[in-house]
Protein backbone atom coordinates (compact mmCIF):
# COMPACT_ATOMS: atom_id res chain seq x y z
CA MET A 1 2.28 -20.35 21.45
CA HIS A 2 2.62 -16.81 20.12
CA LEU A 3 1.24 -15.98 16.69
CA GLY A 4 1.85 -13.09 14.34
CA THR A 5 0.77 -12.04 10.87
CA GLY A 6 2.42 -12.25 7.47
CA PHE A 7 1.69 -11.49 3.82
CA VAL A 8 2.79 -13.03 0.53
CA VAL A 9 4.77 -11.10 -2.11
CA TRP A 10 5.50 -13.89 -4.63
CA PRO A 11 2.73 -16.26 -5.86
CA GLY A 12 5.04 -19.25 -5.48
CA GLY A 13 5.27 -18.60 -1.75
CA ILE A 14 7.50 -15.84 -0.36
CA LEU A 15 5.97 -14.50 2.84
CA VAL A 16 7.04 -11.33 4.65
CA THR A 17 6.59 -10.88 8.39
CA ALA A 18 8.30 -9.29 11.39
CA LYS A 19 11.60 -10.87 12.37
CA HIS A 20 10.59 -11.00 16.03
CA VAL A 21 7.55 -13.12 15.09
CA ILE A 22 9.84 -15.75 13.52
CA GLU A 23 12.30 -15.55 16.42
CA GLY A 24 9.46 -16.22 18.85
CA ALA A 25 8.33 -19.25 16.83
CA LEU A 26 11.72 -20.83 16.17
CA PRO A 27 12.19 -24.09 18.05
CA GLY A 28 14.83 -24.22 20.76
CA SER A 29 15.98 -27.61 19.49
CA ALA A 30 16.45 -29.11 16.04
CA ASN A 31 14.50 -32.18 17.23
CA VAL A 32 11.15 -30.40 17.71
CA THR A 33 8.46 -29.69 15.12
CA PRO A 34 9.46 -27.07 12.48
CA ILE A 35 7.56 -23.80 12.19
CA TYR A 36 4.55 -23.22 10.00
CA ALA A 37 2.56 -20.40 8.51
CA ILE A 38 -1.22 -20.84 8.65
CA TYR A 39 -2.88 -19.90 5.36
CA ALA A 40 -6.31 -18.58 6.34
CA THR A 41 -9.04 -17.63 3.85
CA ASP A 42 -12.81 -17.29 3.69
CA GLU A 43 -12.92 -19.44 0.54
CA LYS A 44 -14.77 -22.74 0.90
CA HIS A 45 -13.71 -25.86 -0.97
CA THR A 46 -17.17 -26.22 -2.49
CA ASP A 47 -20.54 -24.53 -2.12
CA ASN A 48 -21.76 -27.35 0.11
CA SER A 49 -18.60 -27.74 2.17
CA ASP A 50 -17.93 -26.52 5.71
CA LEU A 51 -14.18 -26.67 5.04
CA TYR A 52 -12.17 -23.61 4.05
CA VAL A 53 -9.20 -23.41 1.71
CA GLY A 54 -6.01 -23.13 3.73
CA GLY A 55 -4.18 -24.69 6.65
CA PRO A 56 -0.63 -24.97 8.01
CA ILE A 57 2.17 -24.54 5.47
CA ARG A 58 5.73 -25.37 6.34
CA ILE A 59 8.32 -22.58 6.24
CA GLU A 60 11.28 -23.99 4.30
CA LYS A 61 13.82 -21.13 4.40
CA ILE A 62 14.17 -17.78 6.19
CA ALA A 63 16.15 -14.62 5.33
CA TRP A 64 16.65 -11.69 7.71
CA SER A 65 19.31 -9.33 9.00
CA LEU A 66 20.33 -8.19 12.46
CA GLU A 67 19.64 -4.57 11.52
CA LEU A 68 15.93 -4.86 10.64
CA ASP A 69 12.76 -6.33 12.14
CA ILE A 70 11.69 -7.89 8.83
CA ALA A 71 11.93 -11.52 7.70
CA TYR A 72 11.32 -13.16 4.32
CA CYS A 73 10.12 -16.79 4.43
CA LEU A 74 10.00 -19.36 1.64
CA LEU A 75 6.82 -21.41 1.98
CA GLN A 76 6.32 -25.03 1.06
CA THR A 77 5.20 -25.47 -2.56
CA LEU A 78 1.49 -26.22 -2.87
CA VAL A 79 0.11 -28.53 -5.56
CA SER A 80 -3.39 -29.53 -6.59
CA ARG A 81 -4.56 -32.92 -5.34
CA SER A 82 -6.43 -33.52 -8.58
CA ASP A 83 -3.66 -33.03 -11.18
CA ASN A 84 -0.52 -32.15 -9.18
CA SER A 85 -0.33 -28.70 -10.80
CA PRO A 86 1.19 -25.87 -8.74
CA LEU A 87 -1.11 -23.67 -6.69
CA PHE A 88 -0.39 -19.99 -6.19
CA TYR A 89 -0.92 -17.59 -3.32
CA PRO A 90 -2.58 -14.17 -3.66
CA THR A 91 0.02 -11.43 -3.32
CA TYR A 92 0.46 -7.77 -2.46
CA SER A 93 2.48 -5.22 -4.42
CA LEU A 94 5.24 -3.35 -2.59
CA SER A 95 6.35 0.27 -2.42
CA GLY A 96 9.98 1.22 -2.88
CA ASP A 97 9.55 4.36 -0.81
CA SER A 98 8.62 5.43 2.71
CA PRO A 99 5.27 7.09 3.40
CA ILE A 100 5.21 10.79 4.17
CA ILE A 101 4.16 12.55 7.37
CA GLY A 102 0.40 13.06 7.37
CA GLU A 103 -0.27 10.30 4.85
CA HIS A 104 -3.10 7.91 5.68
CA ILE A 105 -2.10 4.26 6.09
CA LEU A 106 -3.99 1.02 6.63
CA GLY A 107 -2.67 -1.98 8.56
CA LEU A 108 -3.95 -5.57 8.44
CA GLY A 109 -3.42 -8.34 10.97
CA TYR A 110 -4.80 -10.93 13.35
CA CYS A 111 -5.58 -9.80 16.88
CA LYS A 112 -5.53 -13.18 18.60
CA ASN A 113 -1.93 -13.76 19.59
CA ARG A 114 -2.25 -17.07 21.46
CA VAL A 115 -3.67 -20.50 20.73
CA THR A 116 -4.18 -23.21 23.29
CA ARG A 117 -3.61 -26.20 21.06
CA THR A 118 -0.23 -27.76 20.36
CA GLN A 119 1.55 -27.44 17.00
CA GLN A 120 0.72 -31.09 16.23
CA GLU A 121 -2.96 -30.50 16.93
CA ILE A 122 -2.97 -27.48 14.63
CA GLU A 123 -1.27 -29.50 11.88
CA ASN A 124 -3.78 -32.37 12.16
CA ASP A 125 -6.84 -30.13 12.52
CA PRO A 126 -6.07 -26.61 11.30
CA PRO A 127 -8.38 -23.83 12.47
CA SER A 128 -10.75 -22.92 9.66
CA ASP A 129 -12.01 -19.63 11.00
CA LEU A 130 -8.81 -17.67 11.59
CA TRP A 131 -9.69 -15.43 8.65
CA ALA A 132 -12.63 -14.15 10.72
CA ASP A 133 -10.18 -12.76 13.30
CA ALA A 134 -8.48 -10.53 10.72
CA VAL A 135 -8.86 -6.81 11.39
CA SER A 136 -7.90 -3.60 9.64
CA THR A 137 -6.88 -0.35 11.28
CA THR A 138 -6.26 3.09 9.85
CA GLY A 139 -4.30 6.12 10.95
CA GLN A 140 -1.86 8.76 9.81
CA VAL A 141 1.92 8.81 9.69
CA ALA A 142 3.13 10.96 12.58
CA GLU A 143 6.93 10.63 12.43
CA ILE A 144 9.51 8.99 10.16
CA TYR A 145 12.80 7.63 11.47
CA SER A 146 14.94 6.95 8.40
CA LYS A 147 17.70 5.25 10.42
CA GLN A 148 16.24 4.34 13.83
CA ARG A 149 13.95 5.71 16.51
CA ASP A 150 16.21 4.64 19.39
CA SER A 151 19.22 2.40 20.05
CA TYR A 152 17.36 -0.34 21.93
CA PHE A 153 13.73 -1.10 21.01
CA LEU A 154 13.36 0.39 17.52
CA LYS A 155 16.91 0.46 16.18
CA PHE A 156 15.91 0.20 12.52
CA PRO A 157 14.20 2.40 9.89
CA CYS A 158 10.58 2.83 10.96
CA PHE A 159 7.69 5.24 11.17
CA GLN A 160 5.18 6.14 13.85
CA THR A 161 1.46 6.09 13.14
CA THR A 162 -1.76 6.89 14.95
CA ALA A 163 -3.29 3.54 13.91
CA ARG A 164 -4.12 1.07 16.68
CA PHE A 165 -2.09 -2.15 16.56
CA GLU A 166 -2.89 -5.07 18.85
CA PRO A 167 -0.85 -8.15 19.87
CA GLY A 168 -0.85 -10.69 17.05
CA MET A 169 -0.81 -8.03 14.31
CA SER A 170 3.01 -7.91 14.24
CA GLY A 171 4.27 -8.75 10.78
CA GLY A 172 1.13 -7.55 9.02
CA PRO A 173 1.25 -5.35 5.92
CA VAL A 174 0.92 -1.57 6.10
CA PHE A 175 -0.54 0.03 2.97
CA ARG A 176 -0.03 3.59 1.85
CA GLU A 177 -2.72 5.54 0.03
CA SER A 178 -1.59 4.17 -3.35
CA GLY A 179 -2.48 0.63 -2.23
CA HIS A 180 1.14 -0.59 -2.11
CA VAL A 181 2.74 -2.07 0.99
CA CYS A 182 5.30 0.32 2.47
CA GLY A 183 5.81 -1.16 5.93
CA VAL A 184 5.49 -4.06 8.34
CA ILE A 185 3.71 -3.76 11.68
CA CYS A 186 6.30 -4.09 14.44
CA SER A 187 5.12 -2.68 17.79
CA ALA A 188 2.78 -0.42 19.72
CA PHE A 189 2.47 1.13 23.14
CA ASP A 190 -0.32 -1.08 24.46
CA GLY A 191 -3.42 0.96 25.23
CA VAL A 192 -1.53 4.25 25.00
CA ALA A 193 -2.89 7.15 22.97
CA ASP A 194 -2.04 10.83 22.77
CA ASN A 195 -4.20 13.70 21.57
CA GLU A 196 -3.62 12.67 17.96
CA GLY A 197 -4.42 8.97 18.32
CA TYR A 198 -2.65 5.73 19.19
CA ILE A 199 1.14 5.39 19.21
CA SER A 200 2.21 2.50 16.98
CA PHE A 201 5.24 1.70 14.86
CA CYS A 202 5.96 0.06 11.52
CA SER A 203 9.23 -1.06 9.96
CA ILE A 204 10.02 0.69 6.68
CA LEU A 205 10.00 -2.07 4.07
CA TRP A 206 12.35 -0.99 1.28
CA PRO A 207 15.68 -1.43 3.19
CA SER A 208 14.91 -5.17 3.32
CA PHE A 209 15.24 -5.32 -0.48
CA ALA A 210 18.96 -5.93 0.18
CA TYR A 211 18.26 -9.36 1.71
CA VAL A 212 19.93 -12.38 0.11
CA VAL A 213 17.71 -15.38 -0.73
CA LYS A 214 20.39 -17.85 -1.81
CA GLY A 215 19.20 -21.26 -3.03
CA TRP A 216 15.49 -20.42 -3.00
CA PHE A 217 14.86 -21.05 -6.69
CA SER A 218 15.41 -24.32 -8.54
CA ASP A 219 16.40 -22.59 -11.79
CA LYS A 220 19.24 -20.71 -10.06
CA SER A 221 22.59 -21.95 -8.83
CA PRO A 222 22.36 -22.79 -5.09
CA GLU A 223 25.57 -20.77 -4.64
CA GLU A 224 24.26 -17.71 -6.47
CA ASP A 225 23.39 -14.71 -4.31
CA ILE A 226 19.90 -13.57 -5.30
CA LEU A 227 18.67 -10.37 -3.68
CA VAL A 228 15.08 -9.39 -3.05
CA TYR A 229 16.11 -6.32 -5.09
CA ASP A 230 16.86 -8.64 -8.06
CA LEU A 231 13.51 -10.39 -7.72
CA ILE A 232 11.75 -7.03 -7.92
CA LYS A 233 13.91 -5.86 -10.83
CA ASP A 234 13.11 -9.09 -12.72
CA GLY A 235 9.38 -8.76 -12.03
CA VAL A 236 9.16 -11.79 -9.73
CA ILE A 237 7.94 -9.53 -6.91
CA SER A 238 5.69 -6.58 -7.79
CA CYS A 239 6.68 -3.05 -6.77
CA ASP A 240 5.55 0.47 -7.64
CA ASP A 241 7.46 2.98 -9.79
CA SER A 242 9.41 4.32 -6.80
CA PHE A 243 11.63 1.22 -7.09
CA SER A 244 13.49 3.02 -9.91
CA SER A 245 14.99 5.36 -7.27
CA ILE A 246 16.63 2.50 -5.33
CA ARG A 247 20.29 1.71 -5.93
CA MET A 248 22.42 -1.25 -4.88
CA ILE A 249 26.07 -0.51 -4.11
CA SER A 250 28.55 -3.39 -4.01
CA GLU A 251 32.16 -3.11 -2.83
CA GLY A 252 34.19 -6.24 -3.50
CA ASP A 253 33.16 -9.09 -1.23
CA LYS A 254 31.21 -6.86 1.15
CA ARG A 255 27.47 -7.19 1.55
CA PRO A 256 25.55 -4.99 -0.92
CA ILE A 257 24.27 -1.68 0.43
CA ILE A 258 20.88 -0.33 -0.59
CA THR A 259 20.23 3.39 -0.94
CA ARG A 260 17.67 5.72 -2.46
CA ASP A 261 18.09 8.71 -4.74
CA ASN A 262 16.83 11.92 -3.16
């Protein structure tokens, strides 16, 4: 089974990852086990416990587009066993802009991309030490492709970095110097480096703000189109001040188009 990385942007459980990670995990038949995210932490239940907080969490809904390698996932709601109160996930704040060439970035992810146990075994006995496999990597932005790098492998807005990305890190957050997430780890030339460093690529995050998350919130009409853009505008998802430069353009019944002011 292939594994990737994801990060949460709404405390109630909206996870962002690479689309190809979800595509690789989707079952080929509706009769097989659904897909899960594994919540891994280094937080123990109690001081005297060998058990860590976390485990497999069911992915309830998914939003993506054909144009980008980014997916938004709605996670199963967590509640406390003691009083049934809702539990919240730690989140990252987003950037509404692309990084600039020469800027230092930091990527986070999990290097181990395979597990030998079945999905049922993971669900019954979740691994407690996955957090220990998390790694960080730093580099600089080398090139920015505002539309696409090529028409086959990286046909979406992305940027090249000298950071080293390994299998299993796909879907992980990429932070700019301000501390906000500006990208999602998508690919790397395995073991390839030039004179400046490794050759790796990240999806630019802000174009995915145009995604529709219809029916994800109980206080909204299930037929109402809610955009990630709206969730940021309403403060549900945190974003830096560069969000004010993003515009949504709607033309009749056509899908909204997202753009940035220069």
